[in-house]
Each structure stands twice: as structure tokens, then as C-alpha cells.
Amino acid sequence: MTLGFGSFQIIALIFLVVTMSYKVQSDHLGNIGQHGKKICSSCNYFQGSWVVDNHYPLYDAARCPFTEKDFNRQKNGRPADMEYLKYIWKPNSCLIPSFDAREFLMRQRGKKIMFVGDSLSYNMWQSLTCKLYTAAPNSNYTYNTESQLYTVSFLEYGVSVMFLRNEFLVDVVDTKIGRVLKLDYLSTGNVWKIADVLNFNTNHWWTHTGRAQTWDYFQVGQKIFKEMNRTQAYKIGLSTWAKWIYANINPLNTQVFYQGVSAVHYYDKELDLNAKNCQGQTQVFGVTFPGPSSSTSTPGEAVVKKRTAYCCEACRFA
């Protein structure tokens, strides 16, 4: 995983929705670029294309204290090519405003923002904290880790940005028989309650097999299964999360987002005709990219849209 193109624009989109939900006037959203067009409230943000913007990137990952080495592409063998960091997502019918980190810090003063999920959420957390750090380098900050919770607090603004690692959103518990993935139980909800903005994701860990699999059994109620249909298991687990959100989160006080599955592009049909995979590719080929198959993405989208979360369908432009 690396901090590549996509993370900037997904975060901008998420917090555009947050700002709009707080009923902030559109002409005060910060820098919306040279075009100066108004944001279209009815815009479909997920239909568009990748374009180059030479104002990007907004930070240098190598100089950010919150970037882990595994996420730093420049230090991991791609130091010369920076062009991929300049791609931004441009919807067909409106503009996503450029992210103004200082404006963001002022508007979110006193707020707690939490990302919950796997490395995709971790990527978003690192990207946001690095942008805020770059915009306010002289602002005092603290960086704390406690178990699976990472917290960066910008003390001058009272803004805390957190990441809680939880690949399934529901619990994996060590028992006498082994590691049990409890599809109808979650124990980290009390931590989620402290946040003013919550961004969740979960998907690809449900598909792991063999040594990559991090559980031995599924459990639903009192029934334990050695194996079950992964899509069905994913749907049950996500439904548990959605029911918890519905029962415990007041949408008037807390903004909840569910981030869709990030698309993968391994095959030549998704690149140029001469490429066998992503190795050595430096440009975006084409304007549309297929997301995950409907067998894995549809259950999550259907569950989320029934509940009180804004579904960021990242699979359509990741």
C-alpha cells in the first residue's frame, strides 16, 4: 500500500459532505480553484475522470512524521516519478473543491475525526494527518498510539484525527478452539462514540484464505462454522455494524461515512494493450475503471444505504 492518487480526492469528498451537512455557505468552503464554479448539491461525484492538476501533491510523504515506511512510495523505490501524485478526480457535472487544510482545521475546531477499518482507512488517516501537518507545521501536535488506536491531535485547534484498526468491524476472538470471527458481535463501539465524524471500511479481509486468513471459525449466535459463504458472512457482519450505528449514533451530532471498496487493476484490459500488469505503469489509461464484482460489493452497498451512513462509492473511481 502507498499513499497514491485517490486518497486526496476521497478525503476532499468526505469532508465536502461534512461541511455541507453543517450548512456552511458554499462560498466559504475554502479554495475551490481557478474555475470558481459553485458546487452542485445534486452532483453525482462518482461519475467522472482522472485529470492532472499541477497544484498536487499537497504534501511530501517523506517529510511527514505520520507516514509509515510501507506507505512511502518515494522511499520504496519510486523516487523519480511524481506524476501519479498529480491526478485528481473530476466529476462530470460539478467540481470537488481543492482541500484547504487550514480552513479545515478552523472549521473542525474541537472535533474528533475517526477512521475505522483496514489499511484503506489507515491510508486515508495518514493522508489527512500529513496534509494538516504540512499546512500548519508550527502548530503543536501530539501523536499517541494505544493498542490499535492511533491519534494525532493538533492542540492549537483542538482537532484530533484517529485511526482504529478493525479489519472486520465485528470481533475476532481467541478461544479454546481457535480464532473465532463473531459475525453478530462487536465490542469497539464505545470507542466510536467519542468521534464527531466516523469513516468506516471493510471488505477484502473477508476473502482471505490459507495463511492470509486471520480466523479459524465463523460464529453466528451459538452456531459455529468452519466455513461459510464469504459474501453471506460479510453481509451478516456488516449488518451487525449497521444495526449498531442505527441504535447508538445520532446523525444530528455525528457524521457517519462508509467507504466503498477500492478497485484493483491487475490486468492488461484495464491498462494499455501492451501492459500485462501495473508494473512500470505511470499513467492512467482510459477514464473508467471497473470496481469489484457485484458479488462482493452489492451486499455492503445495500446494507449501508438502509442505515444512517453516507456511502462513498470509492470503487467507482479508486
Protein backbone atom coordinates (compact mmCIF):
# COMPACT_ATOMS: atom_id res chain seq x y z
CA MET A 1 0.00 0.00 0.00
CA THR A 2 1.16 3.51 -0.74
CA LEU A 3 -0.16 6.99 -0.46
CA GLY A 4 -1.02 7.41 -4.11
CA PHE A 5 -3.64 9.23 -6.12
CA GLY A 6 -7.18 8.81 -4.92
CA SER A 7 -6.69 9.40 -1.21
CA PHE A 8 -6.59 13.20 -1.63
CA GLN A 9 -9.85 13.32 -3.52
CA ILE A 10 -11.75 10.80 -1.39
CA ILE A 11 -10.92 12.81 1.72
CA ALA A 12 -11.90 16.05 -0.02
CA LEU A 13 -15.22 14.47 -0.99
CA ILE A 14 -15.89 13.15 2.51
CA PHE A 15 -15.29 16.47 4.18
CA LEU A 16 -17.13 18.36 1.48
CA VAL A 17 -20.19 16.40 2.56
CA VAL A 18 -19.39 17.09 6.24
CA THR A 19 -19.12 20.80 5.59
CA MET A 20 -22.32 20.89 3.58
CA SER A 21 -24.12 18.99 6.33
CA TYR A 22 -23.10 21.71 8.77
CA LYS A 23 -24.91 24.14 6.45
CA VAL A 24 -21.81 26.18 5.67
CA GLN A 25 -22.31 28.57 2.78
CA SER A 26 -20.73 27.29 -0.41
CA ASP A 27 -18.73 30.46 -0.99
CA HIS A 28 -16.86 29.83 2.27
CA LEU A 29 -15.77 26.26 1.55
CA GLY A 30 -12.18 27.33 1.02
CA ASN A 31 -10.20 27.31 -2.18
CA ILE A 32 -12.35 25.90 -4.98
CA GLY A 33 -9.71 26.55 -7.60
CA GLN A 34 -9.44 28.91 -10.52
CA HIS A 35 -12.73 27.83 -12.08
CA GLY A 36 -14.74 29.44 -9.29
CA LYS A 37 -17.81 27.35 -10.04
CA LYS A 38 -20.38 26.59 -7.40
CA ILE A 39 -20.62 23.08 -6.02
CA CYS A 40 -23.63 21.25 -7.35
CA SER A 41 -25.56 19.80 -4.43
CA SER A 42 -27.19 17.23 -6.70
CA CYS A 43 -23.92 16.20 -8.33
CA ASN A 44 -23.04 12.55 -8.88
CA TYR A 45 -19.47 12.66 -7.59
CA PHE A 46 -18.76 9.11 -8.74
CA GLN A 47 -19.06 9.68 -12.49
CA GLY A 48 -16.11 11.47 -13.98
CA SER A 49 -12.48 11.04 -14.98
CA TRP A 50 -8.92 11.42 -13.71
CA VAL A 51 -7.16 14.63 -14.72
CA VAL A 52 -3.77 16.13 -13.93
CA ASP A 53 -3.59 19.09 -11.54
CA ASN A 54 -0.12 20.56 -11.16
CA HIS A 55 -1.01 22.03 -7.76
CA TYR A 56 -0.71 18.50 -6.36
CA PRO A 57 0.55 16.74 -4.31
CA LEU A 58 -0.42 18.64 -1.18
CA TYR A 59 2.34 17.15 0.96
CA ASP A 60 5.63 15.29 0.82
CA ALA A 61 5.18 11.86 2.39
CA ALA A 62 8.91 11.61 3.08
CA ARG A 63 8.71 14.64 5.39
CA CYS A 64 5.54 13.69 7.21
CA PRO A 65 6.11 12.16 10.69
CA PHE A 66 2.96 10.03 10.42
CA THR A 67 3.90 8.12 7.25
CA GLU A 68 4.92 4.52 7.85
CA LYS A 69 7.72 3.17 5.68
CA ASP A 70 5.42 0.65 3.99
CA PHE A 71 3.25 3.53 2.76
CA ASN A 72 6.08 5.72 1.48
CA ARG A 73 6.43 5.02 -2.21
CA GLN A 74 9.23 7.55 -2.70
CA LYS A 75 11.41 5.73 -0.18
CA ASN A 76 10.39 2.32 -1.50
CA GLY A 77 11.79 2.53 -4.99
CA ARG A 78 9.83 5.19 -6.87
CA PRO A 79 11.71 8.42 -6.04
CA ALA A 80 11.85 9.96 -9.52
CA ASP A 81 8.29 9.58 -10.74
CA MET A 82 5.97 12.05 -9.01
CA GLU A 83 3.44 12.48 -11.79
CA TYR A 84 0.97 9.93 -10.38
CA LEU A 85 0.51 12.17 -7.33
CA LYS A 86 -0.89 14.94 -9.52
CA TYR A 87 -4.01 13.08 -10.61
CA ILE A 88 -7.29 14.34 -9.21
CA TRP A 89 -10.82 13.08 -9.70
CA LYS A 90 -13.05 15.42 -11.69
CA PRO A 91 -16.81 14.69 -11.69
CA ASN A 92 -18.58 15.29 -14.98
CA SER A 93 -21.21 17.69 -13.65
CA CYS A 94 -19.52 19.68 -10.87
CA LEU A 95 -16.26 20.36 -9.04
CA ILE A 96 -14.79 18.90 -5.89
CA PRO A 97 -13.17 21.88 -4.15
CA SER A 98 -9.44 21.79 -3.52
CA PHE A 99 -8.69 20.74 0.02
CA ASP A 100 -7.78 23.74 2.21
CA ALA A 101 -6.15 22.24 5.29
CA ARG A 102 -6.02 25.43 7.37
CA GLU A 103 -9.65 26.17 6.62
CA PHE A 104 -10.45 22.62 7.58
CA LEU A 105 -8.66 22.91 10.92
CA MET A 106 -10.56 26.08 11.76
CA ARG A 107 -13.94 24.68 10.77
CA GLN A 108 -13.38 21.42 12.63
CA ARG A 109 -12.10 23.14 15.78
CA GLY A 110 -12.81 20.97 18.81
CA LYS A 111 -13.85 17.96 16.69
CA LYS A 112 -12.72 14.33 16.73
CA ILE A 113 -12.46 12.50 13.42
CA MET A 114 -12.03 8.73 13.38
CA PHE A 115 -11.22 6.28 10.59
CA VAL A 116 -12.11 2.66 11.37
CA GLY A 117 -11.18 -0.32 9.23
CA ASP A 118 -8.21 -1.85 7.41
CA SER A 119 -5.25 -0.42 5.51
CA LEU A 120 -7.55 1.57 3.24
CA SER A 121 -8.75 3.59 6.24
CA TYR A 122 -5.17 3.75 7.50
CA ASN A 123 -4.14 5.22 4.16
CA MET A 124 -6.85 7.88 4.47
CA TRP A 125 -5.80 8.66 8.05
CA GLN A 126 -2.15 9.12 7.08
CA SER A 127 -3.08 11.27 4.11
CA LEU A 128 -5.28 13.59 6.14
CA THR A 129 -2.87 13.96 9.06
CA CYS A 130 0.01 14.67 6.67
CA LYS A 131 -1.97 17.36 4.87
CA LEU A 132 -2.90 19.03 8.14
CA TYR A 133 0.68 18.82 9.41
CA THR A 134 2.02 20.34 6.18
CA ALA A 135 -0.48 23.21 6.31
CA ALA A 136 0.29 24.02 9.96
CA PRO A 137 3.92 22.93 10.51
CA ASN A 138 4.40 25.22 13.50
CA SER A 139 1.29 24.07 15.30
CA ASN A 140 1.92 21.91 18.36
CA TYR A 141 0.71 18.36 17.97
CA THR A 142 0.73 15.08 19.85
CA TYR A 143 0.98 11.60 18.37
CA ASN A 144 -0.21 8.72 20.54
CA THR A 145 -0.71 5.02 19.94
CA GLU A 146 -2.66 2.78 22.28
CA SER A 147 -3.27 -0.80 21.23
CA GLN A 148 -4.94 -0.47 17.80
CA LEU A 149 -5.84 3.24 18.19
CA TYR A 150 -3.62 5.92 16.60
CA THR A 151 -4.31 9.56 17.45
CA VAL A 152 -2.82 12.81 16.12
CA SER A 153 -4.07 15.93 17.90
CA PHE A 154 -3.45 19.47 16.69
CA LEU A 155 -3.53 21.26 20.03
CA GLU A 156 -3.96 24.81 18.76
CA TYR A 157 -7.21 23.84 17.06
CA GLY A 158 -8.41 21.08 19.36
CA VAL A 159 -8.73 18.77 16.35
CA SER A 160 -7.97 15.06 16.78
CA VAL A 161 -7.67 12.64 13.86
CA MET A 162 -7.77 8.96 14.85
CA PHE A 163 -7.41 5.57 13.22
CA LEU A 164 -8.76 2.41 14.86
CA ARG A 165 -7.62 -0.78 13.19
CA ASN A 166 -10.52 -3.21 12.86
CA GLU A 167 -10.49 -5.12 9.59
CA PHE A 168 -13.95 -6.66 10.02
CA LEU A 169 -15.71 -4.05 12.20
CA VAL A 170 -17.02 -7.05 14.17
CA ASP A 171 -14.84 -9.06 16.60
CA VAL A 172 -12.27 -11.80 16.14
CA VAL A 173 -11.89 -13.56 19.50
CA ASP A 174 -9.26 -16.06 20.65
CA THR A 175 -10.95 -19.13 22.15
CA LYS A 176 -10.01 -22.69 23.10
CA ILE A 177 -10.91 -23.92 19.64
CA GLY A 178 -9.06 -21.13 17.84
CA ARG A 179 -9.75 -17.68 16.43
CA VAL A 180 -13.47 -17.07 16.03
CA LEU A 181 -14.92 -14.36 13.78
CA LYS A 182 -18.13 -13.38 15.57
CA LEU A 183 -20.40 -12.04 12.87
CA ASP A 184 -23.08 -10.73 15.24
CA TYR A 185 -20.89 -9.16 17.92
CA LEU A 186 -18.75 -6.03 18.17
CA SER A 187 -17.02 -4.61 21.22
CA THR A 188 -15.29 -1.43 19.98
CA GLY A 189 -18.45 0.67 19.66
CA ASN A 190 -17.76 2.65 22.83
CA VAL A 191 -14.58 3.96 21.21
CA TRP A 192 -16.54 5.03 18.13
CA LYS A 193 -18.90 7.08 20.27
CA ILE A 194 -16.24 9.70 21.08
CA ALA A 195 -15.97 10.82 17.45
CA ASP A 196 -17.82 13.64 15.70
CA VAL A 197 -17.03 12.21 12.25
CA LEU A 198 -16.74 8.46 11.59
CA ASN A 199 -15.42 6.88 8.41
CA PHE A 200 -15.64 3.06 8.12
CA ASN A 201 -14.47 0.48 5.64
CA THR A 202 -14.27 -3.31 5.46
CA ASN A 203 -14.12 -5.78 2.60
CA HIS A 204 -11.07 -7.54 1.27
CA TRP A 205 -10.08 -9.30 4.54
CA TRP A 206 -13.28 -11.32 4.25
CA THR A 207 -11.94 -13.00 1.11
CA HIS A 208 -8.63 -14.23 2.57
CA THR A 209 -7.83 -17.94 2.63
CA GLY A 210 -4.95 -20.13 3.75
CA ARG A 211 -2.20 -18.42 5.71
CA ALA A 212 -3.64 -14.98 4.94
CA GLN A 213 -6.87 -15.86 6.77
CA THR A 214 -6.90 -14.35 10.27
CA TRP A 215 -9.65 -16.52 11.78
CA ASP A 216 -10.39 -20.24 12.12
CA TYR A 217 -14.16 -20.29 12.59
CA PHE A 218 -17.26 -18.19 11.97
CA GLN A 219 -19.87 -17.75 14.69
CA VAL A 220 -23.46 -16.56 14.45
CA GLY A 221 -25.37 -16.73 17.71
CA GLN A 222 -24.44 -20.05 19.29
CA LYS A 223 -23.65 -21.72 15.98
CA ILE A 224 -20.03 -22.17 14.90
CA PHE A 225 -18.99 -22.89 11.31
CA LYS A 226 -15.63 -23.93 9.96
CA GLU A 227 -16.53 -22.36 6.63
CA MET A 228 -19.41 -20.45 5.07
CA ASN A 229 -20.14 -18.36 2.02
CA ARG A 230 -17.89 -15.30 2.34
CA THR A 231 -20.35 -12.88 0.79
CA GLN A 232 -23.03 -14.04 3.21
CA ALA A 233 -20.63 -13.76 6.16
CA TYR A 234 -19.67 -10.24 5.04
CA LYS A 235 -23.32 -9.24 4.79
CA ILE A 236 -24.11 -10.55 8.31
CA GLY A 237 -21.08 -8.79 9.80
CA LEU A 238 -21.83 -5.50 8.08
CA SER A 239 -25.48 -5.74 9.15
CA THR A 240 -24.29 -6.04 12.76
CA TRP A 241 -22.28 -2.87 12.30
CA ALA A 242 -25.20 -1.07 10.63
CA LYS A 243 -27.62 -2.02 13.40
CA TRP A 244 -25.17 -0.72 15.98
CA ILE A 245 -24.82 2.60 14.12
CA TYR A 246 -28.59 2.93 13.86
CA ALA A 247 -29.08 2.24 17.58
CA ASN A 248 -26.19 4.24 19.01
CA ILE A 249 -25.31 7.18 16.75
CA ASN A 250 -27.38 10.34 16.47
CA PRO A 251 -26.94 11.57 12.87
CA LEU A 252 -27.66 15.13 14.00
CA ASN A 253 -24.48 15.07 16.09
CA THR A 254 -22.20 12.59 14.33
CA GLN A 255 -21.48 12.24 10.62
CA VAL A 256 -21.06 8.61 9.50
CA PHE A 257 -19.46 7.52 6.23
CA TYR A 258 -18.92 4.09 4.77
CA GLN A 259 -16.13 3.96 2.23
CA GLY A 260 -16.66 1.59 -0.66
CA VAL A 261 -14.23 -0.99 -1.89
CA SER A 262 -11.08 0.24 -3.60
CA ALA A 263 -10.82 -1.15 -7.10
CA VAL A 264 -7.81 -3.22 -8.14
CA HIS A 265 -6.31 -3.07 -11.62
CA TYR A 266 -4.11 -6.06 -12.30
CA TYR A 267 -4.99 -6.93 -15.88
CA ASP A 268 -3.95 -5.64 -19.25
CA LYS A 269 -7.52 -4.94 -20.34
CA GLU A 270 -7.65 -2.24 -17.67
CA LEU A 271 -4.36 -0.65 -18.78
CA ASP A 272 -2.86 -0.20 -22.21
CA LEU A 273 -2.83 -3.02 -24.75
CA ASN A 274 0.86 -3.79 -24.19
CA ALA A 275 0.80 -3.97 -20.40
CA LYS A 276 0.43 -7.29 -18.57
CA ASN A 277 0.04 -5.70 -15.13
CA CYS A 278 0.64 -2.46 -13.22
CA GLN A 279 4.42 -2.95 -13.13
CA GLY A 280 6.10 0.11 -14.59
CA GLN A 281 2.88 1.94 -15.42
CA THR A 282 3.00 5.69 -14.76
CA GLN A 283 -0.20 7.00 -16.32
CA VAL A 284 -3.92 6.43 -16.04
CA PHE A 285 -5.23 4.68 -19.15
CA GLY A 286 -8.83 5.46 -20.01
CA VAL A 287 -11.40 7.26 -17.91
CA THR A 288 -13.45 4.40 -16.48
CA PHE A 289 -12.30 1.56 -14.27
CA PRO A 290 -14.39 -1.40 -13.13
CA GLY A 291 -14.76 -1.84 -9.40
CA PRO A 292 -15.05 -5.17 -7.60
CA SER A 293 -17.55 -7.70 -8.86
CA SER A 294 -21.14 -7.25 -7.83
CA SER A 295 -20.95 -10.43 -5.74
CA THR A 296 -18.72 -8.67 -3.20
CA SER A 297 -19.73 -5.02 -3.49
CA THR A 298 -23.53 -5.15 -3.70
CA PRO A 299 -24.27 -6.58 -0.21
CA GLY A 300 -22.22 -3.88 1.50
CA GLU A 301 -23.75 -1.06 -0.52
CA ALA A 302 -27.26 -2.38 0.07
CA VAL A 303 -26.74 -2.69 3.84
CA VAL A 304 -25.18 0.75 4.19
CA LYS A 305 -27.86 2.57 2.21
CA LYS A 306 -30.54 1.18 4.51
CA ARG A 307 -28.89 2.82 7.50
CA THR A 308 -27.68 6.24 8.58
CA ALA A 309 -24.38 6.38 6.71
CA TYR A 310 -23.24 8.23 3.61
CA CYS A 311 -21.91 5.62 1.19
CA CYS A 312 -18.74 6.84 -0.51
CA GLU A 313 -18.65 4.58 -3.54
CA ALA A 314 -14.88 4.70 -3.91
CA CYS A 315 -14.97 1.53 -6.01
CA ARG A 316 -16.19 3.62 -8.94
CA PHE A 317 -13.17 5.88 -9.09
CA ALA A 318 -10.40 4.35 -6.98
